[in-house]
N, C-alpha and C. Protein backbone atom coordinates (compact mmCIF):
# COMPACT_ATOMS: atom_id res chain seq x y z
N MET A 1 26.63 44.77 47.46
CA MET A 1 27.65 43.79 47.79
C MET A 1 27.07 42.39 47.62
N ASN A 2 27.79 41.52 46.92
CA ASN A 2 27.37 40.15 46.71
C ASN A 2 28.07 39.24 47.71
N ILE A 3 27.33 38.68 48.66
CA ILE A 3 27.93 37.81 49.65
C ILE A 3 27.92 36.35 49.20
N LEU A 4 27.24 36.04 48.11
CA LEU A 4 27.14 34.67 47.62
C LEU A 4 28.14 34.44 46.50
N THR A 5 29.41 34.48 46.81
CA THR A 5 30.44 34.23 45.81
C THR A 5 31.15 32.93 46.14
N SER A 6 31.70 32.31 45.11
CA SER A 6 32.40 31.05 45.30
C SER A 6 33.53 30.94 44.30
N ASP A 7 34.61 30.32 44.73
CA ASP A 7 35.73 30.10 43.83
C ASP A 7 35.78 28.67 43.32
N GLY A 8 34.83 27.85 43.70
CA GLY A 8 34.87 26.45 43.30
C GLY A 8 33.49 25.88 43.11
N PRO A 9 33.43 24.58 42.92
CA PRO A 9 32.13 23.93 42.69
C PRO A 9 31.18 24.08 43.87
N ILE A 10 29.90 24.08 43.54
CA ILE A 10 28.83 24.17 44.53
C ILE A 10 28.02 22.89 44.42
N ILE A 11 27.75 22.26 45.56
CA ILE A 11 26.91 21.06 45.60
C ILE A 11 25.73 21.40 46.50
N ALA A 12 24.51 21.31 45.94
CA ALA A 12 23.33 21.71 46.70
C ALA A 12 22.22 20.69 46.54
N CYS A 13 21.61 20.33 47.65
CA CYS A 13 20.47 19.44 47.64
C CYS A 13 19.23 20.27 47.34
N SER A 14 18.48 19.87 46.32
CA SER A 14 17.31 20.64 45.91
C SER A 14 16.00 20.08 46.44
N SER A 15 16.02 18.84 46.88
CA SER A 15 14.79 18.25 47.41
C SER A 15 15.13 17.11 48.34
N GLY A 16 14.25 16.87 49.28
CA GLY A 16 14.33 15.70 50.12
C GLY A 16 15.52 15.60 51.05
N ASN A 17 15.96 16.71 51.64
CA ASN A 17 17.11 16.62 52.55
C ASN A 17 16.73 16.64 54.03
N ASN A 18 15.45 16.81 54.35
CA ASN A 18 15.04 16.86 55.75
C ASN A 18 14.52 15.53 56.28
N SER A 19 14.15 14.63 55.38
CA SER A 19 13.64 13.33 55.79
C SER A 19 13.95 12.33 54.68
N ASN A 20 13.74 11.06 54.98
CA ASN A 20 13.96 10.05 53.96
C ASN A 20 12.94 10.21 52.83
N THR A 21 13.42 10.16 51.61
CA THR A 21 12.56 10.24 50.43
C THR A 21 12.99 9.15 49.46
N ALA A 22 12.16 8.89 48.47
CA ALA A 22 12.52 7.88 47.46
C ALA A 22 13.68 8.39 46.61
N ILE A 23 13.56 9.60 46.09
CA ILE A 23 14.57 10.18 45.21
C ILE A 23 14.84 11.61 45.66
N THR A 24 16.10 12.01 45.63
CA THR A 24 16.51 13.37 45.96
C THR A 24 17.28 13.95 44.78
N LEU A 25 17.05 15.22 44.50
CA LEU A 25 17.76 15.91 43.43
C LEU A 25 18.91 16.72 44.02
N ILE A 26 20.12 16.47 43.53
CA ILE A 26 21.30 17.21 43.95
C ILE A 26 21.89 17.88 42.71
N ARG A 27 22.23 19.16 42.82
CA ARG A 27 22.83 19.89 41.71
C ARG A 27 24.27 20.24 42.01
N LEU A 28 25.14 20.05 41.01
CA LEU A 28 26.54 20.44 41.08
C LEU A 28 26.76 21.54 40.07
N SER A 29 27.35 22.65 40.47
CA SER A 29 27.62 23.76 39.55
C SER A 29 28.91 24.45 39.97
N GLY A 30 29.29 25.48 39.23
CA GLY A 30 30.48 26.25 39.58
C GLY A 30 31.77 25.64 39.09
N PHE A 31 31.71 24.74 38.12
CA PHE A 31 32.91 24.13 37.58
C PHE A 31 33.00 24.45 36.08
N THR A 32 34.19 24.58 35.58
CA THR A 32 34.37 24.87 34.16
C THR A 32 34.82 23.64 33.39
N ASP A 33 35.51 22.72 34.05
CA ASP A 33 36.04 21.54 33.38
C ASP A 33 35.33 20.29 33.89
N ILE A 34 34.54 19.68 33.05
CA ILE A 34 33.76 18.50 33.44
C ILE A 34 34.65 17.31 33.77
N THR A 35 35.86 17.27 33.23
CA THR A 35 36.74 16.12 33.48
C THR A 35 37.15 16.00 34.94
N ASP A 36 37.14 17.11 35.67
CA ASP A 36 37.45 17.06 37.10
C ASP A 36 36.40 16.26 37.87
N ILE A 37 35.19 16.24 37.39
CA ILE A 37 34.09 15.61 38.10
C ILE A 37 33.85 14.17 37.62
N LEU A 38 34.26 13.86 36.41
CA LEU A 38 34.01 12.53 35.84
C LEU A 38 34.57 11.39 36.69
N SER A 39 35.64 11.61 37.41
CA SER A 39 36.25 10.53 38.18
C SER A 39 35.32 10.02 39.29
N ALA A 40 34.31 10.78 39.66
CA ALA A 40 33.37 10.35 40.68
C ALA A 40 32.24 9.48 40.12
N PHE A 41 32.20 9.33 38.80
CA PHE A 41 31.13 8.58 38.16
C PHE A 41 31.70 7.43 37.34
N SER A 42 30.86 6.45 37.07
CA SER A 42 31.27 5.33 36.22
C SER A 42 31.04 5.67 34.75
N LEU A 43 31.46 6.87 34.34
CA LEU A 43 31.30 7.33 32.96
C LEU A 43 32.64 7.79 32.42
N THR A 44 32.81 7.69 31.12
CA THR A 44 34.02 8.25 30.50
C THR A 44 33.75 9.63 29.94
N LYS A 45 32.46 9.96 29.72
CA LYS A 45 32.09 11.31 29.29
C LYS A 45 30.61 11.52 29.54
N PHE A 46 30.24 12.78 29.65
CA PHE A 46 28.84 13.18 29.74
C PHE A 46 28.41 13.71 28.38
N ILE A 47 27.27 13.27 27.91
CA ILE A 47 26.67 13.86 26.72
C ILE A 47 25.65 14.88 27.23
N PRO A 48 25.80 16.15 26.86
CA PRO A 48 24.90 17.18 27.39
C PRO A 48 23.42 16.87 27.14
N ARG A 49 22.62 17.15 28.14
CA ARG A 49 21.15 17.02 28.12
C ARG A 49 20.68 15.60 27.86
N LYS A 50 21.48 14.62 28.23
CA LYS A 50 21.10 13.22 28.11
C LYS A 50 21.19 12.58 29.49
N ALA A 51 20.17 11.81 29.87
CA ALA A 51 20.19 11.13 31.15
C ALA A 51 21.13 9.94 31.08
N HIS A 52 22.00 9.84 32.07
CA HIS A 52 22.97 8.75 32.17
C HIS A 52 22.68 7.95 33.43
N PHE A 53 22.53 6.65 33.28
CA PHE A 53 22.40 5.75 34.42
C PHE A 53 23.80 5.32 34.80
N CYS A 54 24.27 5.70 36.00
CA CYS A 54 25.66 5.45 36.35
C CYS A 54 25.82 5.27 37.86
N ASN A 55 27.05 4.96 38.25
CA ASN A 55 27.39 4.80 39.66
C ASN A 55 28.15 6.01 40.16
N ILE A 56 27.95 6.35 41.43
CA ILE A 56 28.82 7.30 42.11
C ILE A 56 29.87 6.46 42.83
N ILE A 57 31.13 6.77 42.59
CA ILE A 57 32.23 5.95 43.08
C ILE A 57 33.15 6.78 43.97
N GLN A 58 33.58 6.17 45.06
CA GLN A 58 34.61 6.78 45.92
C GLN A 58 35.51 5.66 46.42
N ASP A 59 36.81 5.82 46.25
CA ASP A 59 37.79 4.82 46.67
C ASP A 59 37.45 3.43 46.10
N ASP A 60 37.10 3.41 44.82
CA ASP A 60 36.76 2.17 44.10
C ASP A 60 35.54 1.44 44.66
N LYS A 61 34.71 2.12 45.44
CA LYS A 61 33.49 1.54 45.98
C LYS A 61 32.29 2.28 45.41
N ILE A 62 31.25 1.55 45.05
CA ILE A 62 30.02 2.17 44.56
C ILE A 62 29.22 2.68 45.76
N LEU A 63 28.97 4.00 45.77
CA LEU A 63 28.18 4.61 46.84
C LEU A 63 26.69 4.60 46.54
N ASP A 64 26.35 4.78 45.26
CA ASP A 64 24.94 4.80 44.86
C ASP A 64 24.84 4.63 43.35
N VAL A 65 23.72 4.13 42.90
CA VAL A 65 23.40 4.06 41.48
C VAL A 65 22.43 5.20 41.22
N VAL A 66 22.77 6.08 40.28
CA VAL A 66 22.03 7.33 40.10
C VAL A 66 21.71 7.58 38.63
N ILE A 67 20.86 8.57 38.42
CA ILE A 67 20.64 9.12 37.09
C ILE A 67 21.24 10.52 37.10
N SER A 68 22.11 10.79 36.13
CA SER A 68 22.77 12.09 36.07
C SER A 68 22.50 12.74 34.71
N ILE A 69 22.36 14.06 34.74
CA ILE A 69 22.14 14.84 33.52
C ILE A 69 23.08 16.04 33.56
N PHE A 70 23.86 16.22 32.50
CA PHE A 70 24.79 17.33 32.39
C PHE A 70 24.19 18.40 31.48
N PHE A 71 24.14 19.62 31.97
CA PHE A 71 23.70 20.77 31.18
C PHE A 71 24.91 21.66 30.95
N LYS A 72 25.34 21.75 29.70
CA LYS A 72 26.52 22.54 29.35
C LYS A 72 26.14 24.01 29.26
N ALA A 73 26.96 24.87 29.87
CA ALA A 73 26.72 26.31 29.82
C ALA A 73 26.71 26.78 28.37
N PRO A 74 25.86 27.67 28.02
CA PRO A 74 24.90 28.44 28.82
C PRO A 74 23.49 27.86 28.78
N HIS A 75 23.34 26.57 28.51
CA HIS A 75 22.02 25.97 28.29
C HIS A 75 21.38 25.45 29.57
N TYR A 76 21.40 26.27 30.60
CA TYR A 76 20.73 25.99 31.87
C TYR A 76 20.24 27.33 32.38
N TYR A 77 19.25 27.34 33.23
CA TYR A 77 18.66 28.63 33.60
C TYR A 77 19.62 29.52 34.38
N THR A 78 20.69 28.97 34.96
CA THR A 78 21.69 29.81 35.63
C THR A 78 22.80 30.26 34.69
N GLY A 79 22.87 29.65 33.50
CA GLY A 79 23.92 29.97 32.55
C GLY A 79 25.23 29.26 32.82
N GLU A 80 25.28 28.41 33.86
CA GLU A 80 26.50 27.70 34.24
C GLU A 80 26.45 26.25 33.77
N ASN A 81 27.61 25.58 33.82
CA ASN A 81 27.63 24.12 33.70
C ASN A 81 26.97 23.56 34.95
N VAL A 82 26.06 22.61 34.76
CA VAL A 82 25.35 22.01 35.90
C VAL A 82 25.20 20.52 35.66
N ILE A 83 25.39 19.75 36.72
CA ILE A 83 25.04 18.33 36.70
C ILE A 83 23.92 18.14 37.71
N GLU A 84 22.82 17.54 37.26
CA GLU A 84 21.73 17.19 38.16
C GLU A 84 21.81 15.70 38.43
N LEU A 85 21.80 15.35 39.71
CA LEU A 85 21.85 13.96 40.13
C LEU A 85 20.54 13.57 40.78
N ASN A 86 19.96 12.49 40.33
CA ASN A 86 18.79 11.90 40.98
C ASN A 86 19.31 10.70 41.76
N VAL A 87 19.39 10.86 43.08
CA VAL A 87 19.99 9.84 43.95
C VAL A 87 18.92 9.22 44.84
N HIS A 88 19.22 8.03 45.39
CA HIS A 88 18.32 7.46 46.38
C HIS A 88 18.30 8.38 47.58
N GLY A 89 17.11 8.63 48.11
CA GLY A 89 16.93 9.74 49.03
C GLY A 89 16.99 9.48 50.50
N ASN A 90 17.68 8.44 50.96
CA ASN A 90 17.79 8.34 52.41
C ASN A 90 18.75 9.40 52.93
N ARG A 91 18.50 9.89 54.11
CA ARG A 91 19.27 11.04 54.65
C ARG A 91 20.75 10.75 54.76
N LEU A 92 21.12 9.52 55.06
CA LEU A 92 22.53 9.18 55.16
C LEU A 92 23.21 9.30 53.81
N ASN A 93 22.54 8.85 52.78
CA ASN A 93 23.08 8.91 51.42
C ASN A 93 23.23 10.35 50.94
N VAL A 94 22.23 11.15 51.19
CA VAL A 94 22.23 12.54 50.73
C VAL A 94 23.29 13.32 51.48
C-alpha cells in the first residue's frame, strides 16, 4: 500500500528549514502544467534546465528575489516536472 500519494503539487523544503540559513532549496513537483505556477514568478516562461533570476510575487508584492530552475519531465531523477527554488533562508521566508 502506498500512503504517499497526492493529487496536486508538492512543495518541500530540502535544506535549511530548522534555522536561519543564507540560502534554502525548495522543490515544487506534482504539476503537469507549468503555466499554473508561472503567475507566482516574474517570468513569462521557464526555459528547462536554465537558471532564472526572478521574483516570487503574491498580490502584486515581491516576497523574495530567487534563483529558479525548471526540470521538465522526465529529465529529473524523480521523472516529474520539478522547479527548484534557491530562496533567502530566513525561517520566516521559508
